Amino acid sequence: QMLSVDGSLTGYENLFLFAKLYDIPSK
């Protein structure tokens, strides 16, 4: 329910950061 994205980042940056948390390779 609570906000789970960072308002100071772009939408793309939020997704890319989250992917790193799951050890998804950069490409």
mmCIF file of all heavy atoms, coordinates in Angstrom:
data_MODEL
# 
_entry.id   MODEL 
# 
loop_
_atom_site.group_PDB 
_atom_site.id 
_atom_site.type_symbol 
_atom_site.label_atom_id 
_atom_site.label_alt_id 
_atom_site.label_comp_id 
_atom_site.label_asym_id 
_atom_site.label_entity_id 
_atom_site.label_seq_id 
_atom_site.pdbx_PDB_ins_code 
_atom_site.Cartn_x 
_atom_site.Cartn_y 
_atom_site.Cartn_z 
_atom_site.occupancy 
_atom_site.B_iso_or_equiv 
_atom_site.pdbx_formal_charge 
_atom_site.auth_seq_id 
_atom_site.auth_comp_id 
_atom_site.auth_asym_id 
_atom_site.auth_atom_id 
_atom_site.pdbx_PDB_model_num 
ATOM 1   N N   . GLN A 1 1  ? 0.832  -1.202  0.000   1.00 0.00 ? 1  GLN A N   1 
ATOM 2   C CA  . GLN A 1 1  ? 0.000  0.000   0.000   1.00 0.00 ? 1  GLN A CA  1 
ATOM 3   C C   . GLN A 1 1  ? 0.867  1.252   0.000   1.00 0.00 ? 1  GLN A C   1 
ATOM 4   O O   . GLN A 1 1  ? 0.574  2.227   -0.685  1.00 0.00 ? 1  GLN A O   1 
ATOM 5   C CB  . GLN A 1 1  ? -0.909 0.027   1.230   1.00 0.00 ? 1  GLN A CB  1 
ATOM 6   C CG  . GLN A 1 1  ? -2.021 -1.002  1.227   1.00 0.00 ? 1  GLN A CG  1 
ATOM 7   C CD  . GLN A 1 1  ? -2.932 -0.836  2.428   1.00 0.00 ? 1  GLN A CD  1 
ATOM 8   O OE1 . GLN A 1 1  ? -3.268 0.270   2.826   1.00 0.00 ? 1  GLN A OE1 1 
ATOM 9   N NE2 . GLN A 1 1  ? -3.338 -1.947  3.019   1.00 0.00 ? 1  GLN A NE2 1 
ATOM 10  N N   . MET A 1 2  ? 1.931  1.226   0.797   1.00 0.00 ? 2  MET A N   1 
ATOM 11  C CA  . MET A 1 2  ? 2.804  2.382   0.915   1.00 0.00 ? 2  MET A CA  1 
ATOM 12  C C   . MET A 1 2  ? 3.655  2.538   -0.341  1.00 0.00 ? 2  MET A C   1 
ATOM 13  O O   . MET A 1 2  ? 3.925  1.565   -1.057  1.00 0.00 ? 2  MET A O   1 
ATOM 14  C CB  . MET A 1 2  ? 3.710  2.242   2.140   1.00 0.00 ? 2  MET A CB  1 
ATOM 15  C CG  . MET A 1 2  ? 2.956  2.064   3.445   1.00 0.00 ? 2  MET A CG  1 
ATOM 16  S SD  . MET A 1 2  ? 1.905  3.482   3.846   1.00 0.00 ? 2  MET A SD  1 
ATOM 17  C CE  . MET A 1 2  ? 3.147  4.710   4.224   1.00 0.00 ? 2  MET A CE  1 
ATOM 18  N N   . LEU A 1 3  ? 4.097  3.764   -0.606  1.00 0.00 ? 3  LEU A N   1 
ATOM 19  C CA  . LEU A 1 3  ? 4.903  4.065   -1.779  1.00 0.00 ? 3  LEU A CA  1 
ATOM 20  C C   . LEU A 1 3  ? 6.170  3.216   -1.787  1.00 0.00 ? 3  LEU A C   1 
ATOM 21  O O   . LEU A 1 3  ? 6.882  3.146   -0.786  1.00 0.00 ? 3  LEU A O   1 
ATOM 22  C CB  . LEU A 1 3  ? 5.269  5.557   -1.776  1.00 0.00 ? 3  LEU A CB  1 
ATOM 23  C CG  . LEU A 1 3  ? 5.944  6.099   -3.036  1.00 0.00 ? 3  LEU A CG  1 
ATOM 24  C CD1 . LEU A 1 3  ? 4.961  6.122   -4.191  1.00 0.00 ? 3  LEU A CD1 1 
ATOM 25  C CD2 . LEU A 1 3  ? 6.476  7.508   -2.778  1.00 0.00 ? 3  LEU A CD2 1 
ATOM 26  N N   . SER A 1 4  ? 6.461  2.573   -2.915  1.00 0.00 ? 4  SER A N   1 
ATOM 27  C CA  . SER A 1 4  ? 7.630  1.695   -2.987  1.00 0.00 ? 4  SER A CA  1 
ATOM 28  C C   . SER A 1 4  ? 8.599  2.090   -4.100  1.00 0.00 ? 4  SER A C   1 
ATOM 29  O O   . SER A 1 4  ? 9.476  1.304   -4.474  1.00 0.00 ? 4  SER A O   1 
ATOM 30  C CB  . SER A 1 4  ? 7.183  0.242   -3.181  1.00 0.00 ? 4  SER A CB  1 
ATOM 31  O OG  . SER A 1 4  ? 6.443  0.089   -4.375  1.00 0.00 ? 4  SER A OG  1 
ATOM 32  N N   . VAL A 1 5  ? 8.435  3.292   -4.647  1.00 0.00 ? 5  VAL A N   1 
ATOM 33  C CA  . VAL A 1 5  ? 9.382  3.821   -5.626  1.00 0.00 ? 5  VAL A CA  1 
ATOM 34  C C   . VAL A 1 5  ? 9.941  5.141   -5.111  1.00 0.00 ? 5  VAL A C   1 
ATOM 35  O O   . VAL A 1 5  ? 9.360  5.775   -4.237  1.00 0.00 ? 5  VAL A O   1 
ATOM 36  C CB  . VAL A 1 5  ? 8.728  4.014   -7.015  1.00 0.00 ? 5  VAL A CB  1 
ATOM 37  C CG1 . VAL A 1 5  ? 8.453  2.679   -7.677  1.00 0.00 ? 5  VAL A CG1 1 
ATOM 38  C CG2 . VAL A 1 5  ? 7.438  4.825   -6.918  1.00 0.00 ? 5  VAL A CG2 1 
ATOM 39  N N   . ASP A 1 6  ? 11.076 5.543   -5.671  1.00 0.00 ? 6  ASP A N   1 
ATOM 40  C CA  . ASP A 1 6  ? 11.790 6.742   -5.222  1.00 0.00 ? 6  ASP A CA  1 
ATOM 41  C C   . ASP A 1 6  ? 11.405 7.926   -6.107  1.00 0.00 ? 6  ASP A C   1 
ATOM 42  O O   . ASP A 1 6  ? 11.700 7.941   -7.303  1.00 0.00 ? 6  ASP A O   1 
ATOM 43  C CB  . ASP A 1 6  ? 13.296 6.490   -5.288  1.00 0.00 ? 6  ASP A CB  1 
ATOM 44  C CG  . ASP A 1 6  ? 14.109 7.579   -4.610  1.00 0.00 ? 6  ASP A CG  1 
ATOM 45  O OD1 . ASP A 1 6  ? 13.631 8.728   -4.543  1.00 0.00 ? 6  ASP A OD1 1 
ATOM 46  O OD2 . ASP A 1 6  ? 15.233 7.289   -4.166  1.00 0.00 ? 6  ASP A OD2 1 
ATOM 47  N N   . GLY A 1 7  ? 10.770 8.923   -5.518  1.00 0.00 ? 7  GLY A N   1 
ATOM 48  C CA  . GLY A 1 7  ? 10.314 10.080  -6.278  1.00 0.00 ? 7  GLY A CA  1 
ATOM 49  C C   . GLY A 1 7  ? 11.430 10.937  -6.831  1.00 0.00 ? 7  GLY A C   1 
ATOM 50  O O   . GLY A 1 7  ? 11.223 11.721  -7.765  1.00 0.00 ? 7  GLY A O   1 
ATOM 51  N N   . SER A 1 8  ? 12.639 10.809  -6.278  1.00 0.00 ? 8  SER A N   1 
ATOM 52  C CA  . SER A 1 8  ? 13.770 11.618  -6.739  1.00 0.00 ? 8  SER A CA  1 
ATOM 53  C C   . SER A 1 8  ? 14.499 10.985  -7.919  1.00 0.00 ? 8  SER A C   1 
ATOM 54  O O   . SER A 1 8  ? 15.448 11.560  -8.456  1.00 0.00 ? 8  SER A O   1 
ATOM 55  C CB  . SER A 1 8  ? 14.762 11.840  -5.592  1.00 0.00 ? 8  SER A CB  1 
ATOM 56  O OG  . SER A 1 8  ? 15.359 10.615  -5.194  1.00 0.00 ? 8  SER A OG  1 
ATOM 57  N N   . LEU A 1 9  ? 14.039 9.775   -8.332  1.00 0.00 ? 9  LEU A N   1 
ATOM 58  C CA  . LEU A 1 9  ? 14.602 9.101   -9.499  1.00 0.00 ? 9  LEU A CA  1 
ATOM 59  C C   . LEU A 1 9  ? 13.584 9.076   -10.628 1.00 0.00 ? 9  LEU A C   1 
ATOM 60  O O   . LEU A 1 9  ? 12.383 9.260   -10.405 1.00 0.00 ? 9  LEU A O   1 
ATOM 61  C CB  . LEU A 1 9  ? 14.995 7.665   -9.142  1.00 0.00 ? 9  LEU A CB  1 
ATOM 62  C CG  . LEU A 1 9  ? 16.012 7.457   -8.031  1.00 0.00 ? 9  LEU A CG  1 
ATOM 63  C CD1 . LEU A 1 9  ? 16.221 5.973   -7.774  1.00 0.00 ? 9  LEU A CD1 1 
ATOM 64  C CD2 . LEU A 1 9  ? 17.341 8.131   -8.368  1.00 0.00 ? 9  LEU A CD2 1 
ATOM 65  N N   . THR A 1 10 ? 14.049 8.844   -11.829 1.00 0.00 ? 10 THR A N   1 
ATOM 66  C CA  . THR A 1 10 ? 13.131 8.681   -12.948 1.00 0.00 ? 10 THR A CA  1 
ATOM 67  C C   . THR A 1 10 ? 12.506 7.286   -12.897 1.00 0.00 ? 10 THR A C   1 
ATOM 68  O O   . THR A 1 10 ? 12.970 6.410   -12.155 1.00 0.00 ? 10 THR A O   1 
ATOM 69  C CB  . THR A 1 10 ? 13.861 8.840   -14.294 1.00 0.00 ? 10 THR A CB  1 
ATOM 70  O OG1 . THR A 1 10 ? 14.777 7.745   -14.457 1.00 0.00 ? 10 THR A OG1 1 
ATOM 71  C CG2 . THR A 1 10 ? 14.621 10.153  -14.355 1.00 0.00 ? 10 THR A CG2 1 
ATOM 72  N N   . GLY A 1 11 ? 11.486 7.099   -13.705 1.00 0.00 ? 11 GLY A N   1 
ATOM 73  C CA  . GLY A 1 11 ? 10.874 5.779   -13.761 1.00 0.00 ? 11 GLY A CA  1 
ATOM 74  C C   . GLY A 1 11 ? 11.865 4.727   -14.197 1.00 0.00 ? 11 GLY A C   1 
ATOM 75  O O   . GLY A 1 11 ? 11.957 3.648   -13.600 1.00 0.00 ? 11 GLY A O   1 
ATOM 76  N N   . TYR A 1 12 ? 12.646 5.028   -15.221 1.00 0.00 ? 12 TYR A N   1 
ATOM 77  C CA  . TYR A 1 12 ? 13.638 4.078   -15.714 1.00 0.00 ? 12 TYR A CA  1 
ATOM 78  C C   . TYR A 1 12 ? 14.683 3.782   -14.640 1.00 0.00 ? 12 TYR A C   1 
ATOM 79  O O   . TYR A 1 12 ? 15.069 2.622   -14.435 1.00 0.00 ? 12 TYR A O   1 
ATOM 80  C CB  . TYR A 1 12 ? 14.312 4.630   -16.969 1.00 0.00 ? 12 TYR A CB  1 
ATOM 81  C CG  . TYR A 1 12 ? 15.342 3.696   -17.546 1.00 0.00 ? 12 TYR A CG  1 
ATOM 82  C CD1 . TYR A 1 12 ? 14.974 2.641   -18.376 1.00 0.00 ? 12 TYR A CD1 1 
ATOM 83  C CD2 . TYR A 1 12 ? 16.687 3.854   -17.244 1.00 0.00 ? 12 TYR A CD2 1 
ATOM 84  C CE1 . TYR A 1 12 ? 15.915 1.769   -18.890 1.00 0.00 ? 12 TYR A CE1 1 
ATOM 85  C CE2 . TYR A 1 12 ? 17.639 2.988   -17.756 1.00 0.00 ? 12 TYR A CE2 1 
ATOM 86  C CZ  . TYR A 1 12 ? 17.255 1.950   -18.576 1.00 0.00 ? 12 TYR A CZ  1 
ATOM 87  O OH  . TYR A 1 12 ? 18.196 1.087   -19.062 1.00 0.00 ? 12 TYR A OH  1 
ATOM 88  N N   . GLU A 1 13 ? 15.156 4.814   -13.930 1.00 0.00 ? 13 GLU A N   1 
ATOM 89  C CA  . GLU A 1 13 ? 16.167 4.616   -12.886 1.00 0.00 ? 13 GLU A CA  1 
ATOM 90  C C   . GLU A 1 13 ? 15.646 3.730   -11.759 1.00 0.00 ? 13 GLU A C   1 
ATOM 91  O O   . GLU A 1 13 ? 16.382 2.903   -11.218 1.00 0.00 ? 13 GLU A O   1 
ATOM 92  C CB  . GLU A 1 13 ? 16.624 5.968   -12.342 1.00 0.00 ? 13 GLU A CB  1 
ATOM 93  C CG  . GLU A 1 13 ? 17.489 6.761   -13.318 1.00 0.00 ? 13 GLU A CG  1 
ATOM 94  C CD  . GLU A 1 13 ? 17.710 8.199   -12.865 1.00 0.00 ? 13 GLU A CD  1 
ATOM 95  O OE1 . GLU A 1 13 ? 16.920 8.695   -12.022 1.00 0.00 ? 13 GLU A OE1 1 
ATOM 96  O OE2 . GLU A 1 13 ? 18.657 8.827   -13.380 1.00 0.00 ? 13 GLU A OE2 1 
ATOM 97  N N   . ASN A 1 14 ? 14.382 3.900   -11.401 1.00 0.00 ? 14 ASN A N   1 
ATOM 98  C CA  . ASN A 1 14 ? 13.795 3.051   -10.376 1.00 0.00 ? 14 ASN A CA  1 
ATOM 99  C C   . ASN A 1 14 ? 13.827 1.583   -10.793 1.00 0.00 ? 14 ASN A C   1 
ATOM 100 O O   . ASN A 1 14 ? 14.189 0.708   -9.996  1.00 0.00 ? 14 ASN A O   1 
ATOM 101 C CB  . ASN A 1 14 ? 12.346 3.473   -10.104 1.00 0.00 ? 14 ASN A CB  1 
ATOM 102 C CG  . ASN A 1 14 ? 12.216 4.483   -8.988  1.00 0.00 ? 14 ASN A CG  1 
ATOM 103 O OD1 . ASN A 1 14 ? 12.269 4.148   -7.810  1.00 0.00 ? 14 ASN A OD1 1 
ATOM 104 N ND2 . ASN A 1 14 ? 12.041 5.739   -9.361  1.00 0.00 ? 14 ASN A ND2 1 
ATOM 105 N N   . LEU A 1 15 ? 13.467 1.313   -12.043 1.00 0.00 ? 15 LEU A N   1 
ATOM 106 C CA  . LEU A 1 15 ? 13.448 -0.061  -12.512 1.00 0.00 ? 15 LEU A CA  1 
ATOM 107 C C   . LEU A 1 15 ? 14.850 -0.658  -12.573 1.00 0.00 ? 15 LEU A C   1 
ATOM 108 O O   . LEU A 1 15 ? 15.072 -1.804  -12.175 1.00 0.00 ? 15 LEU A O   1 
ATOM 109 C CB  . LEU A 1 15 ? 12.791 -0.135  -13.892 1.00 0.00 ? 15 LEU A CB  1 
ATOM 110 C CG  . LEU A 1 15 ? 11.308 0.227   -13.966 1.00 0.00 ? 15 LEU A CG  1 
ATOM 111 C CD1 . LEU A 1 15 ? 10.801 0.080   -15.392 1.00 0.00 ? 15 LEU A CD1 1 
ATOM 112 C CD2 . LEU A 1 15 ? 10.485 -0.627  -13.030 1.00 0.00 ? 15 LEU A CD2 1 
ATOM 113 N N   . PHE A 1 16 ? 15.796 0.140   -13.049 1.00 0.00 ? 16 PHE A N   1 
ATOM 114 C CA  . PHE A 1 16 ? 17.164 -0.356  -13.177 1.00 0.00 ? 16 PHE A CA  1 
ATOM 115 C C   . PHE A 1 16 ? 17.769 -0.656  -11.805 1.00 0.00 ? 16 PHE A C   1 
ATOM 116 O O   . PHE A 1 16 ? 18.447 -1.665  -11.608 1.00 0.00 ? 16 PHE A O   1 
ATOM 117 C CB  . PHE A 1 16 ? 18.027 0.664   -13.925 1.00 0.00 ? 16 PHE A CB  1 
ATOM 118 C CG  . PHE A 1 16 ? 19.369 0.125   -14.338 1.00 0.00 ? 16 PHE A CG  1 
ATOM 119 C CD1 . PHE A 1 16 ? 19.468 -0.852  -15.316 1.00 0.00 ? 16 PHE A CD1 1 
ATOM 120 C CD2 . PHE A 1 16 ? 20.527 0.589   -13.745 1.00 0.00 ? 16 PHE A CD2 1 
ATOM 121 C CE1 . PHE A 1 16 ? 20.696 -1.359  -15.698 1.00 0.00 ? 16 PHE A CE1 1 
ATOM 122 C CE2 . PHE A 1 16 ? 21.767 0.084   -14.110 1.00 0.00 ? 16 PHE A CE2 1 
ATOM 123 C CZ  . PHE A 1 16 ? 21.852 -0.886  -15.098 1.00 0.00 ? 16 PHE A CZ  1 
ATOM 124 N N   . LEU A 1 17 ? 17.488 0.206   -10.830 1.00 0.00 ? 17 LEU A N   1 
ATOM 125 C CA  . LEU A 1 17 ? 17.982 -0.006  -9.470  1.00 0.00 ? 17 LEU A CA  1 
ATOM 126 C C   . LEU A 1 17 ? 17.384 -1.278  -8.865  1.00 0.00 ? 17 LEU A C   1 
ATOM 127 O O   . LEU A 1 17 ? 18.086 -2.072  -8.225  1.00 0.00 ? 17 LEU A O   1 
ATOM 128 C CB  . LEU A 1 17 ? 17.639 1.205   -8.598  1.00 0.00 ? 17 LEU A CB  1 
ATOM 129 C CG  . LEU A 1 17 ? 18.035 1.123   -7.121  1.00 0.00 ? 17 LEU A CG  1 
ATOM 130 C CD1 . LEU A 1 17 ? 19.546 0.996   -6.969  1.00 0.00 ? 17 LEU A CD1 1 
ATOM 131 C CD2 . LEU A 1 17 ? 17.541 2.366   -6.379  1.00 0.00 ? 17 LEU A CD2 1 
ATOM 132 N N   . PHE A 1 18 ? 16.090 -1.473  -9.083  1.00 0.00 ? 18 PHE A N   1 
ATOM 133 C CA  . PHE A 1 18 ? 15.425 -2.673  -8.548  1.00 0.00 ? 18 PHE A CA  1 
ATOM 134 C C   . PHE A 1 18 ? 16.001 -3.931  -9.170  1.00 0.00 ? 18 PHE A C   1 
ATOM 135 O O   . PHE A 1 18 ? 16.195 -4.942  -8.485  1.00 0.00 ? 18 PHE A O   1 
ATOM 136 C CB  . PHE A 1 18 ? 13.921 -2.585  -8.812  1.00 0.00 ? 18 PHE A CB  1 
ATOM 137 C CG  . PHE A 1 18 ? 13.114 -3.642  -8.114  1.00 0.00 ? 18 PHE A CG  1 
ATOM 138 C CD1 . PHE A 1 18 ? 12.697 -3.467  -6.806  1.00 0.00 ? 18 PHE A CD1 1 
ATOM 139 C CD2 . PHE A 1 18 ? 12.754 -4.817  -8.766  1.00 0.00 ? 18 PHE A CD2 1 
ATOM 140 C CE1 . PHE A 1 18 ? 11.949 -4.449  -6.153  1.00 0.00 ? 18 PHE A CE1 1 
ATOM 141 C CE2 . PHE A 1 18 ? 12.007 -5.796  -8.131  1.00 0.00 ? 18 PHE A CE2 1 
ATOM 142 C CZ  . PHE A 1 18 ? 11.606 -5.613  -6.810  1.00 0.00 ? 18 PHE A CZ  1 
ATOM 143 N N   . ALA A 1 19 ? 16.285 -3.880  -10.463 1.00 0.00 ? 19 ALA A N   1 
ATOM 144 C CA  . ALA A 1 19 ? 16.867 -5.036  -11.152 1.00 0.00 ? 19 ALA A CA  1 
ATOM 145 C C   . ALA A 1 19 ? 18.210 -5.419  -10.532 1.00 0.00 ? 19 ALA A C   1 
ATOM 146 O O   . ALA A 1 19 ? 18.541 -6.600  -10.408 1.00 0.00 ? 19 ALA A O   1 
ATOM 147 C CB  . ALA A 1 19 ? 17.035 -4.739  -12.636 1.00 0.00 ? 19 ALA A CB  1 
ATOM 148 N N   . LYS A 1 20 ? 18.982 -4.431  -10.120 1.00 0.00 ? 20 LYS A N   1 
ATOM 149 C CA  . LYS A 1 20 ? 20.275 -4.700  -9.492  1.00 0.00 ? 20 LYS A CA  1 
ATOM 150 C C   . LYS A 1 20 ? 20.099 -5.456  -8.175  1.00 0.00 ? 20 LYS A C   1 
ATOM 151 O O   . LYS A 1 20 ? 20.925 -6.300  -7.813  1.00 0.00 ? 20 LYS A O   1 
ATOM 152 C CB  . LYS A 1 20 ? 21.030 -3.396  -9.260  1.00 0.00 ? 20 LYS A CB  1 
ATOM 153 C CG  . LYS A 1 20 ? 21.731 -2.840  -10.493 1.00 0.00 ? 20 LYS A CG  1 
ATOM 154 C CD  . LYS A 1 20 ? 22.563 -1.632  -10.147 1.00 0.00 ? 20 LYS A CD  1 
ATOM 155 C CE  . LYS A 1 20 ? 23.467 -1.246  -11.310 1.00 0.00 ? 20 LYS A CE  1 
ATOM 156 N NZ  . LYS A 1 20 ? 24.522 -2.257  -11.568 1.00 0.00 ? 20 LYS A NZ  1 
ATOM 157 N N   . LEU A 1 21 ? 19.022 -5.143  -7.449  1.00 0.00 ? 21 LEU A N   1 
ATOM 158 C CA  . LEU A 1 21 ? 18.770 -5.826  -6.181  1.00 0.00 ? 21 LEU A CA  1 
ATOM 159 C C   . LEU A 1 21 ? 18.550 -7.323  -6.385  1.00 0.00 ? 21 LEU A C   1 
ATOM 160 O O   . LEU A 1 21 ? 18.776 -8.120  -5.470  1.00 0.00 ? 21 LEU A O   1 
ATOM 161 C CB  . LEU A 1 21 ? 17.552 -5.205  -5.485  1.00 0.00 ? 21 LEU A CB  1 
ATOM 162 C CG  . LEU A 1 21 ? 17.687 -3.741  -5.051  1.00 0.00 ? 21 LEU A CG  1 
ATOM 163 C CD1 . LEU A 1 21 ? 16.379 -3.243  -4.446  1.00 0.00 ? 21 LEU A CD1 1 
ATOM 164 C CD2 . LEU A 1 21 ? 18.827 -3.574  -4.045  1.00 0.00 ? 21 LEU A CD2 1 
ATOM 165 N N   . TYR A 1 22 ? 18.104 -7.692  -7.573  1.00 0.00 ? 22 TYR A N   1 
ATOM 166 C CA  . TYR A 1 22 ? 17.877 -9.103  -7.895  1.00 0.00 ? 22 TYR A CA  1 
ATOM 167 C C   . TYR A 1 22 ? 19.022 -9.689  -8.722  1.00 0.00 ? 22 TYR A C   1 
ATOM 168 O O   . TYR A 1 22 ? 18.879 -10.761 -9.313  1.00 0.00 ? 22 TYR A O   1 
ATOM 169 C CB  . TYR A 1 22 ? 16.547 -9.275  -8.632  1.00 0.00 ? 22 TYR A CB  1 
ATOM 170 C CG  . TYR A 1 22 ? 15.374 -9.369  -7.676  1.00 0.00 ? 22 TYR A CG  1 
ATOM 171 C CD1 . TYR A 1 22 ? 14.744 -8.230  -7.208  1.00 0.00 ? 22 TYR A CD1 1 
ATOM 172 C CD2 . TYR A 1 22 ? 14.917 -10.609 -7.217  1.00 0.00 ? 22 TYR A CD2 1 
ATOM 173 C CE1 . TYR A 1 22 ? 13.682 -8.314  -6.307  1.00 0.00 ? 22 TYR A CE1 1 
ATOM 174 C CE2 . TYR A 1 22 ? 13.863 -10.710 -6.334  1.00 0.00 ? 22 TYR A CE2 1 
ATOM 175 C CZ  . TYR A 1 22 ? 13.248 -9.560  -5.878  1.00 0.00 ? 22 TYR A CZ  1 
ATOM 176 O OH  . TYR A 1 22 ? 12.201 -9.644  -4.982  1.00 0.00 ? 22 TYR A OH  1 
ATOM 177 N N   . ASP A 1 23 ? 20.148 -8.963  -8.747  1.00 0.00 ? 23 ASP A N   1 
ATOM 178 C CA  . ASP A 1 23 ? 21.360 -9.441  -9.436  1.00 0.00 ? 23 ASP A CA  1 
ATOM 179 C C   . ASP A 1 23 ? 21.119 -9.745  -10.911 1.00 0.00 ? 23 ASP A C   1 
ATOM 180 O O   . ASP A 1 23 ? 21.748 -10.643 -11.488 1.00 0.00 ? 23 ASP A O   1 
ATOM 181 C CB  . ASP A 1 23 ? 21.911 -10.707 -8.741  1.00 0.00 ? 23 ASP A CB  1 
ATOM 182 C CG  . ASP A 1 23 ? 22.303 -10.442 -7.295  1.00 0.00 ? 23 ASP A CG  1 
ATOM 183 O OD1 . ASP A 1 23 ? 22.843 -9.351  -7.020  1.00 0.00 ? 23 ASP A OD1 1 
ATOM 184 O OD2 . ASP A 1 23 ? 22.052 -11.312 -6.439  1.00 0.00 ? 23 ASP A OD2 1 
ATOM 185 N N   . ILE A 1 24 ? 20.208 -8.994  -11.513 1.00 0.00 ? 24 ILE A N   1 
ATOM 186 C CA  . ILE A 1 24 ? 19.992 -9.136  -12.951 1.00 0.00 ? 24 ILE A CA  1 
ATOM 187 C C   . ILE A 1 24 ? 21.125 -8.401  -13.659 1.00 0.00 ? 24 ILE A C   1 
ATOM 188 O O   . ILE A 1 24 ? 21.366 -7.223  -13.386 1.00 0.00 ? 24 ILE A O   1 
ATOM 189 C CB  . ILE A 1 24 ? 18.626 -8.556  -13.367 1.00 0.00 ? 24 ILE A CB  1 
ATOM 190 C CG1 . ILE A 1 24 ? 17.498 -9.301  -12.640 1.00 0.00 ? 24 ILE A CG1 1 
ATOM 191 C CG2 . ILE A 1 24 ? 18.432 -8.648  -14.878 1.00 0.00 ? 24 ILE A CG2 1 
ATOM 192 C CD1 . ILE A 1 24 ? 16.117 -8.678  -12.845 1.00 0.00 ? 24 ILE A CD1 1 
ATOM 193 N N   . PRO A 1 25 ? 21.867 -9.049  -14.551 1.00 0.00 ? 25 PRO A N   1 
ATOM 194 C CA  . PRO A 1 25 ? 22.989 -8.396  -15.248 1.00 0.00 ? 25 PRO A CA  1 
ATOM 195 C C   . PRO A 1 25 ? 22.552 -7.110  -15.939 1.00 0.00 ? 25 PRO A C   1 
ATOM 196 O O   . PRO A 1 25 ? 21.410 -6.997  -16.396 1.00 0.00 ? 25 PRO A O   1 
ATOM 197 C CB  . PRO A 1 25 ? 23.437 -9.454  -16.259 1.00 0.00 ? 25 PRO A CB  1 
ATOM 198 C CG  . PRO A 1 25 ? 22.979 -10.757 -15.682 1.00 0.00 ? 25 PRO A CG  1 
ATOM 199 C CD  . PRO A 1 25 ? 21.699 -10.452 -14.957 1.00 0.00 ? 25 PRO A CD  1 
ATOM 200 N N   . SER A 1 26 ? 23.460 -6.141  -16.023 1.00 0.00 ? 26 SER A N   1 
ATOM 201 C CA  . SER A 1 26 ? 23.120 -4.797  -16.516 1.00 0.00 ? 26 SER A CA  1 
ATOM 202 C C   . SER A 1 26 ? 22.462 -4.814  -17.890 1.00 0.00 ? 26 SER A C   1 
ATOM 203 O O   . SER A 1 26 ? 21.459 -4.130  -18.124 1.00 0.00 ? 26 SER A O   1 
ATOM 204 C CB  . SER A 1 26 ? 24.382 -3.924  -16.565 1.00 0.00 ? 26 SER A CB  1 
ATOM 205 O OG  . SER A 1 26 ? 24.867 -3.694  -15.270 1.00 0.00 ? 26 SER A OG  1 
ATOM 206 N N   . LYS A 1 27 ? 23.015 -5.599  -18.817 1.00 0.00 ? 27 LYS A N   1 
ATOM 207 C CA  . LYS A 1 27 ? 22.449 -5.640  -20.165 1.00 0.00 ? 27 LYS A CA  1 
ATOM 208 C C   . LYS A 1 27 ? 21.020 -6.163  -20.137 1.00 0.00 ? 27 LYS A C   1 
ATOM 209 O O   . LYS A 1 27 ? 20.111 -5.603  -20.771 1.00 0.00 ? 27 LYS A O   1 
ATOM 210 C CB  . LYS A 1 27 ? 23.316 -6.515  -21.065 1.00 0.00 ? 27 LYS A CB  1 
ATOM 211 C CG  . LYS A 1 27 ? 22.847 -6.543  -22.510 1.00 0.00 ? 27 LYS A CG  1 
ATOM 212 C CD  . LYS A 1 27 ? 23.796 -7.369  -23.368 1.00 0.00 ? 27 LYS A CD  1 
ATOM 213 C CE  . LYS A 1 27 ? 23.320 -7.403  -24.825 1.00 0.00 ? 27 LYS A CE  1 
ATOM 214 N NZ  . LYS A 1 27 ? 24.241 -8.226  -25.669 1.00 0.00 ? 27 LYS A NZ  1 
# 
